[in-house]
Amino acid sequence: MAIVTRVEINPTFQNALNVDDNHQPIHVPRGTNQLQWNLTGNNTLQFYPLNDPNYPGFKWVDTPPYGAFDPPTLQGNGGTLQMGVNNTAAGGPWRYQLNAHDNMGVRYSTYYSTPAATTTDPQIKNN
């Protein structure tokens, strides 16, 4: 099953990305699934390369068990990120970080600081 999630610039916080997940973990059903994140709302946004030493396009904050997730891949012009899920058992949630940039080199991330706290919001949960 493909689970598609939109990612866009958060208008409230500078240089922040918002994952359209209603501030809930992305719930993945048992079996083989495909997660996909699509950058929307700004045609110049691209995920950073996955092997970027400073700001990889996708980075685990909480490390899931080995084999639960395939390595992520970038698709097309870098505006889509995909990852296979081999969900054989319930677990998580696991937090992750997304990093993207625009054509001027400005970095946007799901990990950002607010006056009240630092947020590492997006999560994946295997059901």
PDB file of N, CA and C in Angstrom:
ATOM      1  N   MET A   1       0.840  -1.175   0.000  1.00  0.00           N
ATOM      2  CA  MET A   1       0.000   0.000   0.000  1.00  0.00           C
ATOM      3  C   MET A   1       0.884   1.237   0.000  1.00  0.00           C
ATOM      4  N   ALA A   2       0.561   2.215  -0.810  1.00  0.00           N
ATOM      5  CA  ALA A   2       1.300   3.478  -0.853  1.00  0.00           C
ATOM      6  C   ALA A   2       0.655   4.474   0.110  1.00  0.00           C
ATOM      7  N   ILE A   3       1.474   5.050   0.964  1.00  0.00           N
ATOM      8  CA  ILE A   3       1.031   6.078   1.895  1.00  0.00           C
ATOM      9  C   ILE A   3       1.743   7.362   1.490  1.00  0.00           C
ATOM     10  N   VAL A   4       0.981   8.324   0.969  1.00  0.00           N
ATOM     11  CA  VAL A   4       1.549   9.554   0.414  1.00  0.00           C
ATOM     12  C   VAL A   4       1.270  10.705   1.385  1.00  0.00           C
ATOM     13  N   THR A   5       2.314  11.473   1.686  1.00  0.00           N
ATOM     14  CA  THR A   5       2.208  12.589   2.614  1.00  0.00           C
ATOM     15  C   THR A   5       2.772  13.839   1.963  1.00  0.00           C
ATOM     16  N   ARG A   6       2.043  14.949   2.117  1.00  0.00           N
ATOM     17  CA  ARG A   6       2.514  16.235   1.582  1.00  0.00           C
ATOM     18  C   ARG A   6       3.446  16.902   2.598  1.00  0.00           C
ATOM     19  N   VAL A   7       4.469  17.582   2.082  1.00  0.00           N
ATOM     20  CA  VAL A   7       5.404  18.352   2.906  1.00  0.00           C
ATOM     21  C   VAL A   7       5.478  19.743   2.293  1.00  0.00           C
ATOM     22  N   GLU A   8       5.310  20.770   3.125  1.00  0.00           N
ATOM     23  CA  GLU A   8       5.356  22.137   2.613  1.00  0.00           C
ATOM     24  C   GLU A   8       6.015  23.048   3.635  1.00  0.00           C
ATOM     25  N   ILE A   9       6.365  24.252   3.196  1.00  0.00           N
ATOM     26  CA  ILE A   9       6.964  25.228   4.094  1.00  0.00           C
ATOM     27  C   ILE A   9       5.938  25.593   5.151  1.00  0.00           C
ATOM     28  N   ASN A  10       6.375  25.611   6.405  1.00  0.00           N
ATOM     29  CA  ASN A  10       5.520  26.014   7.511  1.00  0.00           C
ATOM     30  C   ASN A  10       5.490  27.539   7.538  1.00  0.00           C
ATOM     31  N   PRO A  11       4.317  28.155   7.337  1.00  0.00           N
ATOM     32  CA  PRO A  11       4.266  29.619   7.260  1.00  0.00           C
ATOM     33  C   PRO A  11       4.477  30.308   8.608  1.00  0.00           C
ATOM     34  N   THR A  12       4.393  29.566   9.695  1.00  0.00           N
ATOM     35  CA  THR A  12       4.489  30.164  11.025  1.00  0.00           C
ATOM     36  C   THR A  12       5.920  30.300  11.511  1.00  0.00           C
ATOM     37  N   PHE A  13       6.778  29.342  11.167  1.00  0.00           N
ATOM     38  CA  PHE A  13       8.141  29.322  11.686  1.00  0.00           C
ATOM     39  C   PHE A  13       9.150  29.405  10.546  1.00  0.00           C
ATOM     40  N   GLN A  14      10.131  30.250  10.708  1.00  0.00           N
ATOM     41  CA  GLN A  14      11.133  30.470   9.667  1.00  0.00           C
ATOM     42  C   GLN A  14      11.925  29.199   9.395  1.00  0.00           C
ATOM     43  N   ASN A  15      12.083  28.889   8.120  1.00  0.00           N
ATOM     44  CA  ASN A  15      12.893  27.767   7.638  1.00  0.00           C
ATOM     45  C   ASN A  15      12.384  26.408   8.132  1.00  0.00           C
ATOM     46  N   ALA A  16      11.096  26.314   8.375  1.00  0.00           N
ATOM     47  CA  ALA A  16      10.516  25.077   8.880  1.00  0.00           C
ATOM     48  C   ALA A  16       9.685  24.394   7.805  1.00  0.00           C
ATOM     49  N   LEU A  17       9.763  23.064   7.796  1.00  0.00           N
ATOM     50  CA  LEU A  17       8.904  22.247   6.949  1.00  0.00           C
ATOM     51  C   LEU A  17       7.783  21.661   7.800  1.00  0.00           C
ATOM     52  N   ASN A  18       6.620  21.558   7.222  1.00  0.00           N
ATOM     53  CA  ASN A  18       5.476  20.951   7.886  1.00  0.00           C
ATOM     54  C   ASN A  18       5.083  19.688   7.132  1.00  0.00           C
ATOM     55  N   VAL A  19       5.037  18.563   7.848  1.00  0.00           N
ATOM     56  CA  VAL A  19       4.561  17.306   7.279  1.00  0.00           C
ATOM     57  C   VAL A  19       3.060  17.245   7.540  1.00  0.00           C
ATOM     58  N   ASP A  20       2.279  17.052   6.497  1.00  0.00           N
ATOM     59  CA  ASP A  20       0.816  17.027   6.611  1.00  0.00           C
ATOM     60  C   ASP A  20       0.378  15.696   7.234  1.00  0.00           C
ATOM     61  N   ASP A  21       0.576  15.598   8.565  1.00  0.00           N
ATOM     62  CA  ASP A  21       0.247  14.370   9.281  1.00  0.00           C
ATOM     63  C   ASP A  21      -0.650  14.623  10.490  1.00  0.00           C
ATOM     64  N   ASN A  22      -1.218  15.838  10.581  1.00  0.00           N
ATOM     65  CA  ASN A  22      -2.087  16.217  11.699  1.00  0.00           C
ATOM     66  C   ASN A  22      -1.399  16.017  13.048  1.00  0.00           C
ATOM     67  N   HIS A  23      -0.094  16.167  13.079  1.00  0.00           N
ATOM     68  CA  HIS A  23       0.713  16.012  14.299  1.00  0.00           C
ATOM     69  C   HIS A  23       0.523  14.648  14.946  1.00  0.00           C
ATOM     70  N   GLN A  24       0.300  13.651  14.120  1.00  0.00           N
ATOM     71  CA  GLN A  24       0.173  12.261  14.553  1.00  0.00           C
ATOM     72  C   GLN A  24       1.197  11.428  13.785  1.00  0.00           C
ATOM     73  N   PRO A  25       1.659  10.325  14.361  1.00  0.00           N
ATOM     74  CA  PRO A  25       2.546   9.452  13.582  1.00  0.00           C
ATOM     75  C   PRO A  25       1.850   8.953  12.313  1.00  0.00           C
ATOM     76  N   ILE A  26       2.629   8.744  11.262  1.00  0.00           N
ATOM     77  CA  ILE A  26       2.102   8.090  10.070  1.00  0.00           C
ATOM     78  C   ILE A  26       1.925   6.621  10.441  1.00  0.00           C
ATOM     79  N   HIS A  27       0.691   6.142  10.409  1.00  0.00           N
ATOM     80  CA  HIS A  27       0.395   4.757  10.789  1.00  0.00           C
ATOM     81  C   HIS A  27       0.521   3.856   9.567  1.00  0.00           C
ATOM     82  N   VAL A  28       1.330   2.817   9.697  1.00  0.00           N
ATOM     83  CA  VAL A  28       1.612   1.900   8.597  1.00  0.00           C
ATOM     84  C   VAL A  28       1.006   0.544   8.929  1.00  0.00           C
ATOM     85  N   PRO A  29       0.116   0.027   8.070  1.00  0.00           N
ATOM     86  CA  PRO A  29      -0.474  -1.287   8.332  1.00  0.00           C
ATOM     87  C   PRO A  29       0.537  -2.411   8.130  1.00  0.00           C
ATOM     88  N   ARG A  30       0.204  -3.570   8.666  1.00  0.00           N
ATOM     89  CA  ARG A  30       1.073  -4.750   8.508  1.00  0.00           C
ATOM     90  C   ARG A  30       1.243  -5.086   7.033  1.00  0.00           C
ATOM     91  N   GLY A  31       2.411  -5.628   6.711  1.00  0.00           N
ATOM     92  CA  GLY A  31       2.691  -6.038   5.340  1.00  0.00           C
ATOM     93  C   GLY A  31       3.727  -5.136   4.699  1.00  0.00           C
ATOM     94  N   THR A  32       3.854  -5.268   3.392  1.00  0.00           N
ATOM     95  CA  THR A  32       4.799  -4.472   2.612  1.00  0.00           C
ATOM     96  C   THR A  32       4.103  -3.201   2.158  1.00  0.00           C
ATOM     97  N   ASN A  33       4.700  -2.076   2.462  1.00  0.00           N
ATOM     98  CA  ASN A  33       4.108  -0.776   2.156  1.00  0.00           C
ATOM     99  C   ASN A  33       5.165   0.156   1.584  1.00  0.00           C
ATOM    100  N   GLN A  34       4.710   1.272   1.031  1.00  0.00           N
ATOM    101  CA  GLN A  34       5.590   2.287   0.472  1.00  0.00           C
ATOM    102  C   GLN A  34       5.194   3.634   1.058  1.00  0.00           C
ATOM    103  N   LEU A  35       6.140   4.306   1.708  1.00  0.00           N
ATOM    104  CA  LEU A  35       5.913   5.671   2.184  1.00  0.00           C
ATOM    105  C   LEU A  35       6.451   6.637   1.142  1.00  0.00           C
ATOM    106  N   GLN A  36       5.735   7.736   0.952  1.00  0.00           N
ATOM    107  CA  GLN A  36       6.172   8.745  -0.013  1.00  0.00           C
ATOM    108  C   GLN A  36       5.886  10.130   0.554  1.00  0.00           C
ATOM    109  N   TRP A  37       6.892  10.998   0.498  1.00  0.00           N
ATOM    110  CA  TRP A  37       6.750  12.391   0.904  1.00  0.00           C
ATOM    111  C   TRP A  37       6.917  13.247  -0.334  1.00  0.00           C
ATOM    112  N   ASN A  38       5.945  14.133  -0.611  1.00  0.00           N
ATOM    113  CA  ASN A  38       5.993  15.024  -1.764  1.00  0.00           C
ATOM    114  C   ASN A  38       6.096  16.466  -1.291  1.00  0.00           C
ATOM    115  N   LEU A  39       7.136  17.183  -1.745  1.00  0.00           N
ATOM    116  CA  LEU A  39       7.242  18.612  -1.465  1.00  0.00           C
ATOM    117  C   LEU A  39       6.212  19.345  -2.313  1.00  0.00           C
ATOM    118  N   THR A  40       5.392  20.186  -1.682  1.00  0.00           N
ATOM    119  CA  THR A  40       4.334  20.896  -2.395  1.00  0.00           C
ATOM    120  C   THR A  40       4.374  22.381  -2.031  1.00  0.00           C
ATOM    121  N   GLY A  41       3.694  23.178  -2.829  1.00  0.00           N
ATOM    122  CA  GLY A  41       3.510  24.584  -2.509  1.00  0.00           C
ATOM    123  C   GLY A  41       4.619  25.513  -2.961  1.00  0.00           C
ATOM    124  N   ASN A  42       5.794  24.992  -3.239  1.00  0.00           N
ATOM    125  CA  ASN A  42       6.915  25.818  -3.693  1.00  0.00           C
ATOM    126  C   ASN A  42       7.694  24.983  -4.704  1.00  0.00           C
ATOM    127  N   ASN A  43       7.584  25.349  -5.964  1.00  0.00           N
ATOM    128  CA  ASN A  43       8.187  24.542  -7.032  1.00  0.00           C
ATOM    129  C   ASN A  43       9.700  24.490  -6.991  1.00  0.00           C
ATOM    130  N   THR A  44      10.338  25.347  -6.194  1.00  0.00           N
ATOM    131  CA  THR A  44      11.801  25.348  -6.162  1.00  0.00           C
ATOM    132  C   THR A  44      12.367  24.468  -5.051  1.00  0.00           C
ATOM    133  N   LEU A  45      11.520  23.890  -4.193  1.00  0.00           N
ATOM    134  CA  LEU A  45      12.030  23.049  -3.116  1.00  0.00           C
ATOM    135  C   LEU A  45      12.483  21.689  -3.629  1.00  0.00           C
ATOM    136  N   GLN A  46      13.604  21.245  -3.082  1.00  0.00           N
ATOM    137  CA  GLN A  46      14.119  19.898  -3.348  1.00  0.00           C
ATOM    138  C   GLN A  46      14.655  19.336  -2.036  1.00  0.00           C
ATOM    139  N   PHE A  47      14.503  18.027  -1.856  1.00  0.00           N
ATOM    140  CA  PHE A  47      15.147  17.397  -0.717  1.00  0.00           C
ATOM    141  C   PHE A  47      16.652  17.437  -0.929  1.00  0.00           C
ATOM    142  N   TYR A  48      17.394  17.591   0.155  1.00  0.00           N
ATOM    143  CA  TYR A  48      18.847  17.472   0.072  1.00  0.00           C
ATOM    144  C   TYR A  48      19.195  16.049  -0.348  1.00  0.00           C
ATOM    145  N   PRO A  49      20.371  15.837  -0.950  1.00  0.00           N
ATOM    146  CA  PRO A  49      20.791  14.463  -1.243  1.00  0.00           C
ATOM    147  C   PRO A  49      20.787  13.630   0.043  1.00  0.00           C
ATOM    148  N   LEU A  50      20.480  12.371  -0.090  1.00  0.00           N
ATOM    149  CA  LEU A  50      20.369  11.494   1.081  1.00  0.00           C
ATOM    150  C   LEU A  50      21.713  11.248   1.752  1.00  0.00           C
ATOM    151  N   ASN A  51      22.802  11.451   1.014  1.00  0.00           N
ATOM    152  CA  ASN A  51      24.129  11.251   1.577  1.00  0.00           C
ATOM    153  C   ASN A  51      24.800  12.570   1.983  1.00  0.00           C
ATOM    154  N   ASP A  52      24.042  13.667   2.019  1.00  0.00           N
ATOM    155  CA  ASP A  52      24.616  14.943   2.439  1.00  0.00           C
ATOM    156  C   ASP A  52      25.133  14.804   3.874  1.00  0.00           C
ATOM    157  N   PRO A  53      26.408  15.159   4.133  1.00  0.00           N
ATOM    158  CA  PRO A  53      26.970  14.938   5.470  1.00  0.00           C
ATOM    159  C   PRO A  53      26.373  15.834   6.555  1.00  0.00           C
ATOM    160  N   ASN A  54      25.802  16.971   6.164  1.00  0.00           N
ATOM    161  CA  ASN A  54      25.258  17.902   7.154  1.00  0.00           C
ATOM    162  C   ASN A  54      23.734  17.871   7.244  1.00  0.00           C
ATOM    163  N   TYR A  55      23.072  17.808   6.115  1.00  0.00           N
ATOM    164  CA  TYR A  55      21.612  17.887   6.080  1.00  0.00           C
ATOM    165  C   TYR A  55      21.044  16.841   5.116  1.00  0.00           C
ATOM    166  N   PRO A  56      21.110  15.576   5.461  1.00  0.00           N
ATOM    167  CA  PRO A  56      20.546  14.578   4.550  1.00  0.00           C
ATOM    168  C   PRO A  56      19.044  14.802   4.365  1.00  0.00           C
ATOM    169  N   GLY A  57      18.554  14.509   3.168  1.00  0.00           N
ATOM    170  CA  GLY A  57      17.130  14.688   2.881  1.00  0.00           C
ATOM    171  C   GLY A  57      16.243  13.950   3.864  1.00  0.00           C
ATOM    172  N   PHE A  58      16.665  12.769   4.303  1.00  0.00           N
ATOM    173  CA  PHE A  58      15.947  11.982   5.307  1.00  0.00           C
ATOM    174  C   PHE A  58      16.955  11.499   6.338  1.00  0.00           C
ATOM    175  N   LYS A  59      16.579  11.615   7.610  1.00  0.00           N
ATOM    176  CA  LYS A  59      17.462  11.175   8.698  1.00  0.00           C
ATOM    177  C   LYS A  59      16.594  10.660   9.840  1.00  0.00           C
ATOM    178  N   TRP A  60      16.936   9.494  10.348  1.00  0.00           N
ATOM    179  CA  TRP A  60      16.245   8.973  11.526  1.00  0.00           C
ATOM    180  C   TRP A  60      16.703   9.743  12.761  1.00  0.00           C
ATOM    181  N   VAL A  61      15.764  10.153  13.609  1.00  0.00           N
ATOM    182  CA  VAL A  61      16.065  10.703  14.924  1.00  0.00           C
ATOM    183  C   VAL A  61      16.079   9.556  15.933  1.00  0.00           C
ATOM    184  N   ASP A  62      15.099   8.658  15.800  1.00  0.00           N
ATOM    185  CA  ASP A  62      15.039   7.424  16.592  1.00  0.00           C
ATOM    186  C   ASP A  62      15.300   6.268  15.629  1.00  0.00           C
ATOM    187  N   THR A  63      16.249   5.425  15.932  1.00  0.00           N
ATOM    188  CA  THR A  63      16.626   4.349  15.019  1.00  0.00           C
ATOM    189  C   THR A  63      15.658   3.165  15.148  1.00  0.00           C
ATOM    190  N   PRO A  64      14.981   2.804  14.049  1.00  0.00           N
ATOM    191  CA  PRO A  64      14.092   1.643  14.079  1.00  0.00           C
ATOM    192  C   PRO A  64      14.891   0.341  13.987  1.00  0.00           C
ATOM    193  N   PRO A  65      14.258  -0.792  14.239  1.00  0.00           N
ATOM    194  CA  PRO A  65      14.958  -2.074  14.113  1.00  0.00           C
ATOM    195  C   PRO A  65      15.444  -2.294  12.681  1.00  0.00           C
ATOM    196  N   TYR A  66      16.579  -2.959  12.561  1.00  0.00           N
ATOM    197  CA  TYR A  66      17.157  -3.258  11.252  1.00  0.00           C
ATOM    198  C   TYR A  66      16.152  -4.061  10.425  1.00  0.00           C
ATOM    199  N   GLY A  67      15.972  -3.658   9.168  1.00  0.00           N
ATOM    200  CA  GLY A  67      15.111  -4.372   8.239  1.00  0.00           C
ATOM    201  C   GLY A  67      13.663  -3.925   8.239  1.00  0.00           C
ATOM    202  N   ALA A  68      13.257  -3.065   9.192  1.00  0.00           N
ATOM    203  CA  ALA A  68      11.869  -2.599   9.215  1.00  0.00           C
ATOM    204  C   ALA A  68      11.582  -1.631   8.073  1.00  0.00           C
ATOM    205  N   PHE A  69      12.610  -0.898   7.644  1.00  0.00           N
ATOM    206  CA  PHE A  69      12.468   0.096   6.582  1.00  0.00           C
ATOM    207  C   PHE A  69      13.585  -0.078   5.569  1.00  0.00           C
ATOM    208  N   ASP A  70      13.258   0.072   4.296  1.00  0.00           N
ATOM    209  CA  ASP A  70      14.273   0.100   3.249  1.00  0.00           C
ATOM    210  C   ASP A  70      14.952   1.465   3.270  1.00  0.00           C
ATOM    211  N   PRO A  71      16.151   1.571   2.712  1.00  0.00           N
ATOM    212  CA  PRO A  71      16.777   2.898   2.618  1.00  0.00           C
ATOM    213  C   PRO A  71      15.902   3.818   1.754  1.00  0.00           C
ATOM    214  N   PRO A  72      15.806   5.093   2.112  1.00  0.00           N
ATOM    215  CA  PRO A  72      15.005   6.021   1.311  1.00  0.00           C
ATOM    216  C   PRO A  72      15.673   6.302  -0.036  1.00  0.00           C
ATOM    217  N   THR A  73      14.864   6.708  -0.997  1.00  0.00           N
ATOM    218  CA  THR A  73      15.363   7.097  -2.316  1.00  0.00           C
ATOM    219  C   THR A  73      14.690   8.402  -2.732  1.00  0.00           C
ATOM    220  N   LEU A  74      15.406   9.204  -3.504  1.00  0.00           N
ATOM    221  CA  LEU A  74      14.834  10.414  -4.082  1.00  0.00           C
ATOM    222  C   LEU A  74      14.350  10.106  -5.485  1.00  0.00           C
ATOM    223  N   GLN A  75      13.237  10.715  -5.856  1.00  0.00           N
ATOM    224  CA  GLN A  75      12.635  10.493  -7.163  1.00  0.00           C
ATOM    225  C   GLN A  75      12.561  11.805  -7.938  1.00  0.00           C
ATOM    226  N   GLY A  76      12.537  11.677  -9.266  1.00  0.00           N
ATOM    227  CA  GLY A  76      12.359  12.834 -10.148  1.00  0.00           C
ATOM    228  C   GLY A  76      13.410  13.897  -9.911  1.00  0.00           C
ATOM    229  N   ASN A  77      12.957  15.127  -9.710  1.00  0.00           N
ATOM    230  CA  ASN A  77      13.874  16.263  -9.536  1.00  0.00           C
ATOM    231  C   ASN A  77      14.252  16.483  -8.079  1.00  0.00           C
ATOM    232  N   GLY A  78      14.016  15.505  -7.213  1.00  0.00           N
ATOM    233  CA  GLY A  78      14.347  15.643  -5.799  1.00  0.00           C
ATOM    234  C   GLY A  78      13.197  16.144  -4.962  1.00  0.00           C
ATOM    235  N   GLY A  79      12.028  16.270  -5.550  1.00  0.00           N
ATOM    236  CA  GLY A  79      10.855  16.746  -4.810  1.00  0.00           C
ATOM    237  C   GLY A  79      10.035  15.629  -4.192  1.00  0.00           C
ATOM    238  N   THR A  80      10.437  14.389  -4.423  1.00  0.00           N
ATOM    239  CA  THR A  80       9.727  13.234  -3.860  1.00  0.00           C
ATOM    240  C   THR A  80      10.732  12.304  -3.209  1.00  0.00           C
ATOM    241  N   LEU A  81      10.394  11.847  -2.026  1.00  0.00           N
ATOM    242  CA  LEU A  81      11.218  10.904  -1.289  1.00  0.00           C
ATOM    243  C   LEU A  81      10.372   9.662  -1.025  1.00  0.00           C
ATOM    244  N   GLN A  82      10.921   8.484  -1.263  1.00  0.00           N
ATOM    245  CA  GLN A  82      10.187   7.231  -1.064  1.00  0.00           C
ATOM    246  C   GLN A  82      10.987   6.288  -0.181  1.00  0.00           C
ATOM    247  N   MET A  83      10.239   5.432   0.540  1.00  0.00           N
ATOM    248  CA  MET A  83      10.881   4.440   1.392  1.00  0.00           C
ATOM    249  C   MET A  83       9.941   3.253   1.570  1.00  0.00           C
ATOM    250  N   GLY A  84      10.463   2.055   1.349  1.00  0.00           N
ATOM    251  CA  GLY A  84       9.690   0.848   1.565  1.00  0.00           C
ATOM    252  C   GLY A  84       9.631   0.504   3.047  1.00  0.00           C
ATOM    253  N   VAL A  85       8.501  -0.090   3.454  1.00  0.00           N
ATOM    254  CA  VAL A  85       8.314  -0.505   4.843  1.00  0.00           C
ATOM    255  C   VAL A  85       7.983  -1.988   4.843  1.00  0.00           C
ATOM    256  N   ASN A  86       8.735  -2.745   5.613  1.00  0.00           N
ATOM    257  CA  ASN A  86       8.490  -4.179   5.762  1.00  0.00           C
ATOM    258  C   ASN A  86       7.921  -4.410   7.159  1.00  0.00           C
ATOM    259  N   ASN A  87       6.630  -4.146   7.308  1.00  0.00           N
ATOM    260  CA  ASN A  87       5.994  -4.124   8.622  1.00  0.00           C
ATOM    261  C   ASN A  87       5.530  -5.519   9.013  1.00  0.00           C
ATOM    262  N   THR A  88       6.346  -6.206   9.798  1.00  0.00           N
ATOM    263  CA  THR A  88       5.979  -7.541  10.278  1.00  0.00           C
ATOM    264  C   THR A  88       5.552  -7.525  11.734  1.00  0.00           C
ATOM    265  N   ALA A  89       5.797  -6.425  12.435  1.00  0.00           N
ATOM    266  CA  ALA A  89       5.427  -6.344  13.846  1.00  0.00           C
ATOM    267  C   ALA A  89       5.173  -4.894  14.232  1.00  0.00           C
ATOM    268  N   ALA A  90       4.301  -4.700  15.202  1.00  0.00           N
ATOM    269  CA  ALA A  90       4.014  -3.357  15.682  1.00  0.00           C
ATOM    270  C   ALA A  90       5.260  -2.766  16.325  1.00  0.00           C
ATOM    271  N   GLY A  91       5.404  -1.458  16.223  1.00  0.00           N
ATOM    272  CA  GLY A  91       6.542  -0.792  16.845  1.00  0.00           C
ATOM    273  C   GLY A  91       6.534   0.688  16.573  1.00  0.00           C
ATOM    274  N   GLY A  92       7.384   1.370  17.290  1.00  0.00           N
ATOM    275  CA  GLY A  92       7.477   2.809  17.136  1.00  0.00           C
ATOM    276  C   GLY A  92       6.601   3.509  18.160  1.00  0.00           C
ATOM    277  N   PRO A  93       6.394   4.773  18.012  1.00  0.00           N
ATOM    278  CA  PRO A  93       6.762   5.573  16.842  1.00  0.00           C
ATOM    279  C   PRO A  93       8.247   5.927  16.826  1.00  0.00           C
ATOM    280  N   TRP A  94       8.737   6.119  15.597  1.00  0.00           N
ATOM    281  CA  TRP A  94      10.112   6.539  15.370  1.00  0.00           C
ATOM    282  C   TRP A  94      10.081   7.918  14.740  1.00  0.00           C
ATOM    283  N   ARG A  95      10.821   8.840  15.336  1.00  0.00           N
ATOM    284  CA  ARG A  95      10.896  10.192  14.791  1.00  0.00           C
ATOM    285  C   ARG A  95      11.907  10.238  13.655  1.00  0.00           C
ATOM    286  N   TYR A  96      11.642  11.118  12.690  1.00  0.00           N
ATOM    287  CA  TYR A  96      12.548  11.308  11.565  1.00  0.00           C
ATOM    288  C   TYR A  96      12.639  12.787  11.251  1.00  0.00           C
ATOM    289  N   GLN A  97      13.649  13.154  10.485  1.00  0.00           N
ATOM    290  CA  GLN A  97      13.869  14.535  10.082  1.00  0.00           C
ATOM    291  C   GLN A  97      13.950  14.600   8.571  1.00  0.00           C
ATOM    292  N   LEU A  98      13.299  15.602   7.982  1.00  0.00           N
ATOM    293  CA  LEU A  98      13.400  15.892   6.561  1.00  0.00           C
ATOM    294  C   LEU A  98      14.122  17.220   6.379  1.00  0.00           C
ATOM    295  N   ASN A  99      15.003  17.299   5.386  1.00  0.00           N
ATOM    296  CA  ASN A  99      15.723  18.530   5.063  1.00  0.00           C
ATOM    297  C   ASN A  99      15.579  18.814   3.574  1.00  0.00           C
ATOM    298  N   ALA A 100      15.220  20.051   3.260  1.00  0.00           N
ATOM    299  CA  ALA A 100      15.069  20.468   1.866  1.00  0.00           C
ATOM    300  C   ALA A 100      15.687  21.855   1.704  1.00  0.00           C
ATOM    301  N   HIS A 101      15.850  22.262   0.458  1.00  0.00           N
ATOM    302  CA  HIS A 101      16.383  23.591   0.163  1.00  0.00           C
ATOM    303  C   HIS A 101      15.670  24.142  -1.056  1.00  0.00           C
ATOM    304  N   ASP A 102      15.692  25.480  -1.177  1.00  0.00           N
ATOM    305  CA  ASP A 102      15.128  26.107  -2.370  1.00  0.00           C
ATOM    306  C   ASP A 102      16.252  26.434  -3.347  1.00  0.00           C
ATOM    307  N   ASN A 103      15.908  27.066  -4.465  1.00  0.00           N
ATOM    308  CA  ASN A 103      16.915  27.334  -5.498  1.00  0.00           C
ATOM    309  C   ASN A 103      17.905  28.426  -5.092  1.00  0.00           C
ATOM    310  N   MET A 104      17.694  29.092  -3.973  1.00  0.00           N
ATOM    311  CA  MET A 104      18.635  30.083  -3.449  1.00  0.00           C
ATOM    312  C   MET A 104      19.538  29.472  -2.377  1.00  0.00           C
ATOM    313  N   GLY A 105      19.349  28.167  -2.092  1.00  0.00           N
ATOM    314  CA  GLY A 105      20.173  27.497  -1.098  1.00  0.00           C
ATOM    315  C   GLY A 105      19.672  27.619   0.328  1.00  0.00           C
ATOM    316  N   VAL A 106      18.479  28.186   0.514  1.00  0.00           N
ATOM    317  CA  VAL A 106      17.920  28.326   1.861  1.00  0.00           C
ATOM    318  C   VAL A 106      17.443  26.951   2.336  1.00  0.00           C
ATOM    319  N   ARG A 107      17.874  26.566   3.539  1.00  0.00           N
ATOM    320  CA  ARG A 107      17.545  25.256   4.107  1.00  0.00           C
ATOM    321  C   ARG A 107      16.236  25.327   4.879  1.00  0.00           C
ATOM    322  N   TYR A 108      15.438  24.272   4.715  1.00  0.00           N
ATOM    323  CA  TYR A 108      14.184  24.089   5.455  1.00  0.00           C
ATOM    324  C   TYR A 108      14.230  22.702   6.087  1.00  0.00           C
ATOM    325  N   SER A 109      13.694  22.585   7.295  1.00  0.00           N
ATOM    326  CA  SER A 109      13.782  21.321   8.002  1.00  0.00           C
ATOM    327  C   SER A 109      12.556  21.084   8.876  1.00  0.00           C
ATOM    328  N   THR A 110      12.269  19.813   9.154  1.00  0.00           N
ATOM    329  CA  THR A 110      11.212  19.476  10.107  1.00  0.00           C
ATOM    330  C   THR A 110      11.714  19.597  11.537  1.00  0.00           C
ATOM    331  N   TYR A 111      13.000  19.810  11.711  1.00  0.00           N
ATOM    332  CA  TYR A 111      13.600  19.990  13.035  1.00  0.00           C
ATOM    333  C   TYR A 111      13.906  21.471  13.174  1.00  0.00           C
ATOM    334  N   TYR A 112      13.182  22.160  14.044  1.00  0.00           N
ATOM    335  CA  TYR A 112      13.367  23.596  14.175  1.00  0.00           C
ATOM    336  C   TYR A 112      13.016  24.044  15.584  1.00  0.00           C
ATOM    337  N   SER A 113      13.487  25.234  15.927  1.00  0.00           N
ATOM    338  CA  SER A 113      13.234  25.791  17.253  1.00  0.00           C
ATOM    339  C   SER A 113      12.140  26.848  17.178  1.00  0.00           C
ATOM    340  N   THR A 114      11.294  26.859  18.205  1.00  0.00           N
ATOM    341  CA  THR A 114      10.256  27.867  18.368  1.00  0.00           C
ATOM    342  C   THR A 114      10.554  28.597  19.677  1.00  0.00           C
ATOM    343  N   PRO A 115       9.861  29.685  19.966  1.00  0.00           N
ATOM    344  CA  PRO A 115      10.091  30.341  21.258  1.00  0.00           C
ATOM    345  C   PRO A 115       9.828  29.408  22.446  1.00  0.00           C
ATOM    346  N   ALA A 116       8.948  28.433  22.275  1.00  0.00           N
ATOM    347  CA  ALA A 116       8.580  27.558  23.386  1.00  0.00           C
ATOM    348  C   ALA A 116       9.399  26.276  23.456  1.00  0.00           C
ATOM    349  N   ALA A 117       9.878  25.784  22.315  1.00  0.00           N
ATOM    350  CA  ALA A 117      10.541  24.478  22.336  1.00  0.00           C
ATOM    351  C   ALA A 117      11.237  24.216  21.011  1.00  0.00           C
ATOM    352  N   THR A 118      11.930  23.092  20.958  1.00  0.00           N
ATOM    353  CA  THR A 118      12.460  22.572  19.705  1.00  0.00           C
ATOM    354  C   THR A 118      11.589  21.407  19.313  1.00  0.00           C
ATOM    355  N   THR A 119      11.183  21.364  18.068  1.00  0.00           N
ATOM    356  CA  THR A 119      10.275  20.307  17.639  1.00  0.00           C
ATOM    357  C   THR A 119      10.994  19.328  16.716  1.00  0.00           C
ATOM    358  N   THR A 120      10.723  18.060  16.908  1.00  0.00           N
ATOM    359  CA  THR A 120      11.178  16.984  16.020  1.00  0.00           C
ATOM    360  C   THR A 120       9.943  16.147  15.720  1.00  0.00           C
ATOM    361  N   ASP A 121       8.940  16.786  15.236  1.00  0.00           N
ATOM    362  CA  ASP A 121       7.588  16.281  15.177  1.00  0.00           C
ATOM    363  C   ASP A 121       7.339  15.002  14.384  1.00  0.00           C
ATOM    364  N   PRO A 122       7.703  14.899  13.106  1.00  0.00           N
ATOM    365  CA  PRO A 122       7.152  13.794  12.329  1.00  0.00           C
ATOM    366  C   PRO A 122       7.619  12.430  12.833  1.00  0.00           C
ATOM    367  N   GLN A 123       6.683  11.473  12.770  1.00  0.00           N
ATOM    368  CA  GLN A 123       6.932  10.124  13.278  1.00  0.00           C
ATOM    369  C   GLN A 123       6.272   9.099  12.371  1.00  0.00           C
ATOM    370  N   ILE A 124       6.783   7.859  12.449  1.00  0.00           N
ATOM    371  CA  ILE A 124       6.198   6.707  11.758  1.00  0.00           C
ATOM    372  C   ILE A 124       5.925   5.644  12.811  1.00  0.00           C
ATOM    373  N   LYS A 125       4.748   5.029  12.725  1.00  0.00           N
ATOM    374  CA  LYS A 125       4.390   3.966  13.660  1.00  0.00           C
ATOM    375  C   LYS A 125       3.884   2.774  12.876  1.00  0.00           C
ATOM    376  N   ASN A 126       4.493   1.620  13.109  1.00  0.00           N
ATOM    377  CA  ASN A 126       4.022   0.369  12.500  1.00  0.00           C
ATOM    378  C   ASN A 126       2.932  -0.214  13.387  1.00  0.00           C
ATOM    379  N   ASN A 127       1.778  -0.485  12.785  1.00  0.00           N
ATOM    380  CA  ASN A 127       0.647  -1.042  13.538  1.00  0.00           C
ATOM    381  C   ASN A 127       0.623  -2.553  13.448  1.00  0.00           C
TER     382      ASN A 127
END
